[in-house]
């Protein structure tokens, strides 16, 4: 069975956020590192990354429960 590949836009739509938020969450370590396609340099997200993005988006929406530092820690 072939593994489904998602692009940045797919994660943004699923998490109801901007594509820049997806890239920032990857940068900050809220989602696992994502390999890039060597042919076109696009990020290739997996189902795991999709679920991590949705979870991170739920946890990191303002107002932060317990304050921003508590959530980030």
N, C-alpha and C. Protein backbone atom coordinates (compact mmCIF):
# COMPACT_ATOMS: atom_id res chain seq x y z
N UNK A 1 0.84 -1.19 0.00
CA UNK A 1 0.00 0.00 0.00
C UNK A 1 0.88 1.25 0.00
N UNK A 2 0.58 2.14 -0.90
CA UNK A 2 1.37 3.35 -1.03
C UNK A 2 1.02 4.35 0.06
N UNK A 3 2.05 4.97 0.61
CA UNK A 3 1.88 5.94 1.68
C UNK A 3 1.39 7.27 1.10
N UNK A 4 0.37 7.86 1.71
CA UNK A 4 -0.17 9.14 1.23
C UNK A 4 0.77 10.26 1.62
N UNK A 5 1.03 11.13 0.67
CA UNK A 5 1.90 12.28 0.89
C UNK A 5 1.03 13.54 0.89
N UNK A 6 1.26 14.40 1.87
CA UNK A 6 0.54 15.67 1.98
C UNK A 6 1.52 16.81 1.72
N UNK A 7 1.00 17.91 1.23
CA UNK A 7 1.80 19.11 1.03
C UNK A 7 1.42 20.14 2.09
N UNK A 8 2.19 21.20 2.17
CA UNK A 8 1.98 22.23 3.19
C UNK A 8 0.55 22.75 3.17
N UNK A 9 0.03 22.99 2.02
CA UNK A 9 -1.34 23.51 1.90
C UNK A 9 -2.36 22.53 2.48
N UNK A 10 -2.15 21.23 2.28
CA UNK A 10 -3.07 20.22 2.82
C UNK A 10 -3.14 20.29 4.34
N UNK A 11 -1.98 20.42 4.99
CA UNK A 11 -1.96 20.51 6.45
C UNK A 11 -2.61 21.80 6.92
N UNK A 12 -2.36 22.89 6.21
CA UNK A 12 -2.95 24.18 6.59
C UNK A 12 -4.47 24.12 6.52
N UNK A 13 -5.00 23.52 5.47
CA UNK A 13 -6.45 23.40 5.33
C UNK A 13 -7.02 22.53 6.45
N UNK A 14 -6.38 21.39 6.72
CA UNK A 14 -6.87 20.47 7.76
C UNK A 14 -6.85 21.11 9.14
N UNK A 15 -5.81 21.91 9.42
CA UNK A 15 -5.67 22.54 10.74
C UNK A 15 -6.31 23.93 10.79
N UNK A 16 -6.87 24.37 9.68
CA UNK A 16 -7.53 25.68 9.60
C UNK A 16 -6.58 26.81 10.00
N UNK A 17 -5.44 26.84 9.33
CA UNK A 17 -4.45 27.88 9.60
C UNK A 17 -3.76 28.26 8.29
N UNK A 18 -2.85 29.19 8.38
CA UNK A 18 -2.09 29.66 7.22
C UNK A 18 -0.93 28.70 6.97
N UNK A 19 -0.47 28.63 5.72
CA UNK A 19 0.66 27.75 5.40
C UNK A 19 1.93 28.16 6.16
N UNK A 20 2.07 29.44 6.44
CA UNK A 20 3.24 29.89 7.22
C UNK A 20 3.23 29.30 8.63
N UNK A 21 2.05 29.07 9.18
CA UNK A 21 1.94 28.46 10.50
C UNK A 21 2.45 27.03 10.46
N UNK A 22 2.16 26.31 9.41
CA UNK A 22 2.65 24.93 9.26
C UNK A 22 4.18 24.94 9.25
N UNK A 23 4.78 25.82 8.47
CA UNK A 23 6.24 25.88 8.38
C UNK A 23 6.86 26.32 9.70
N UNK A 24 6.20 27.26 10.39
CA UNK A 24 6.70 27.73 11.68
C UNK A 24 6.64 26.61 12.72
N UNK A 25 5.54 25.86 12.75
CA UNK A 25 5.41 24.76 13.70
C UNK A 25 6.46 23.68 13.44
N UNK A 26 6.79 23.46 12.17
CA UNK A 26 7.87 22.50 11.87
C UNK A 26 9.20 23.04 12.39
N UNK A 27 9.46 24.31 12.13
CA UNK A 27 10.68 24.97 12.59
C UNK A 27 10.83 24.88 14.11
N UNK A 28 9.73 25.09 14.83
CA UNK A 28 9.74 25.12 16.29
C UNK A 28 9.67 23.73 16.91
N UNK A 29 9.53 22.69 16.09
CA UNK A 29 9.55 21.33 16.61
C UNK A 29 8.21 20.79 17.09
N UNK A 30 7.12 21.49 16.77
CA UNK A 30 5.80 21.00 17.17
C UNK A 30 5.33 19.85 16.29
N UNK A 31 5.90 19.75 15.09
CA UNK A 31 5.67 18.57 14.25
C UNK A 31 7.03 17.99 13.86
N UNK A 32 7.06 16.72 13.60
CA UNK A 32 8.30 16.01 13.29
C UNK A 32 8.97 16.61 12.05
N UNK A 33 10.30 16.46 11.97
CA UNK A 33 11.00 16.94 10.77
C UNK A 33 10.42 16.28 9.52
N UNK A 34 10.34 17.05 8.46
CA UNK A 34 9.69 16.59 7.24
C UNK A 34 10.73 16.50 6.11
N UNK A 35 10.81 15.33 5.47
CA UNK A 35 11.75 15.22 4.34
C UNK A 35 11.24 16.01 3.14
N UNK A 36 12.16 16.35 2.27
CA UNK A 36 11.81 17.08 1.06
C UNK A 36 12.03 16.20 -0.16
N UNK A 37 11.21 16.41 -1.17
CA UNK A 37 11.36 15.69 -2.42
C UNK A 37 12.60 16.23 -3.12
N UNK A 38 13.57 15.38 -3.46
CA UNK A 38 14.80 15.88 -4.09
C UNK A 38 14.58 16.49 -5.48
N UNK A 39 13.50 16.12 -6.14
CA UNK A 39 13.25 16.64 -7.49
C UNK A 39 12.74 18.06 -7.49
N UNK A 40 11.84 18.39 -6.54
CA UNK A 40 11.24 19.72 -6.55
C UNK A 40 11.39 20.48 -5.24
N UNK A 41 12.01 19.85 -4.24
CA UNK A 41 12.28 20.44 -2.93
C UNK A 41 11.02 20.74 -2.12
N UNK A 42 9.87 20.15 -2.50
CA UNK A 42 8.64 20.32 -1.73
C UNK A 42 8.70 19.45 -0.48
N UNK A 43 8.12 19.94 0.60
CA UNK A 43 7.99 19.13 1.80
C UNK A 43 7.00 18.00 1.53
N UNK A 44 7.28 16.81 2.07
CA UNK A 44 6.39 15.66 1.90
C UNK A 44 5.94 15.19 3.27
N UNK A 45 4.80 15.70 3.71
CA UNK A 45 4.25 15.38 5.01
C UNK A 45 3.55 14.02 4.98
N UNK A 46 3.54 13.35 6.12
CA UNK A 46 2.87 12.06 6.24
C UNK A 46 1.59 12.23 7.08
N UNK A 47 0.87 11.14 7.23
CA UNK A 47 -0.34 11.14 8.07
C UNK A 47 0.03 11.54 9.50
N UNK A 48 1.18 11.08 9.97
CA UNK A 48 1.63 11.44 11.33
C UNK A 48 1.80 12.96 11.46
N UNK A 49 2.43 13.57 10.47
CA UNK A 49 2.61 15.02 10.49
C UNK A 49 1.27 15.74 10.49
N UNK A 50 0.34 15.22 9.74
CA UNK A 50 -1.01 15.80 9.69
C UNK A 50 -1.65 15.78 11.07
N UNK A 51 -1.58 14.65 11.75
CA UNK A 51 -2.16 14.53 13.08
C UNK A 51 -1.43 15.43 14.09
N UNK A 52 -0.10 15.51 13.97
CA UNK A 52 0.68 16.40 14.86
C UNK A 52 0.28 17.86 14.65
N UNK A 53 0.07 18.24 13.41
CA UNK A 53 -0.30 19.62 13.10
C UNK A 53 -1.65 19.96 13.69
N UNK A 54 -2.60 19.06 13.53
CA UNK A 54 -3.94 19.30 14.07
C UNK A 54 -3.88 19.42 15.60
N UNK A 55 -3.13 18.54 16.24
CA UNK A 55 -2.98 18.58 17.70
C UNK A 55 -2.29 19.88 18.15
N UNK A 56 -1.20 20.24 17.48
CA UNK A 56 -0.48 21.47 17.84
C UNK A 56 -1.37 22.69 17.67
N UNK A 57 -2.14 22.71 16.61
CA UNK A 57 -3.03 23.84 16.35
C UNK A 57 -4.10 23.95 17.44
N UNK A 58 -4.62 22.82 17.89
CA UNK A 58 -5.61 22.84 18.97
C UNK A 58 -5.00 23.35 20.27
N UNK A 59 -3.77 22.94 20.55
CA UNK A 59 -3.11 23.32 21.80
C UNK A 59 -2.60 24.76 21.79
N UNK A 60 -2.26 25.26 20.63
CA UNK A 60 -1.60 26.56 20.55
C UNK A 60 -2.47 27.68 20.01
N UNK A 61 -3.75 27.59 20.24
CA UNK A 61 -4.65 28.66 19.80
C UNK A 61 -4.88 29.62 20.98
N UNK A 62 -4.87 30.91 20.70
CA UNK A 62 -5.05 31.92 21.73
C UNK A 62 -6.52 31.99 22.13
N UNK A 63 -6.90 32.20 23.37
CA UNK A 63 -6.05 32.37 24.56
C UNK A 63 -5.50 31.02 25.03
N UNK A 64 -4.26 31.05 25.44
CA UNK A 64 -3.57 29.83 25.83
C UNK A 64 -4.02 29.36 27.21
N UNK A 65 -4.42 28.09 27.33
CA UNK A 65 -4.82 27.59 28.65
C UNK A 65 -3.62 27.55 29.59
N UNK A 66 -3.68 28.27 30.69
CA UNK A 66 -2.57 28.30 31.64
C UNK A 66 -1.46 29.26 31.25
N UNK A 67 -1.62 30.03 30.19
CA UNK A 67 -0.61 30.97 29.75
C UNK A 67 0.29 30.37 28.68
N UNK A 68 0.87 31.21 27.85
CA UNK A 68 1.67 30.75 26.72
C UNK A 68 2.88 29.93 27.15
N UNK A 69 3.58 30.36 28.18
CA UNK A 69 4.79 29.64 28.61
C UNK A 69 4.43 28.22 29.04
N UNK A 70 3.34 28.04 29.75
CA UNK A 70 2.89 26.71 30.20
C UNK A 70 2.64 25.80 29.00
N UNK A 71 1.97 26.31 27.99
CA UNK A 71 1.67 25.52 26.81
C UNK A 71 2.93 25.16 26.05
N UNK A 72 3.84 26.12 25.87
CA UNK A 72 5.07 25.85 25.14
C UNK A 72 5.98 24.87 25.87
N UNK A 73 6.01 24.96 27.20
CA UNK A 73 6.84 24.03 27.97
C UNK A 73 6.28 22.63 27.86
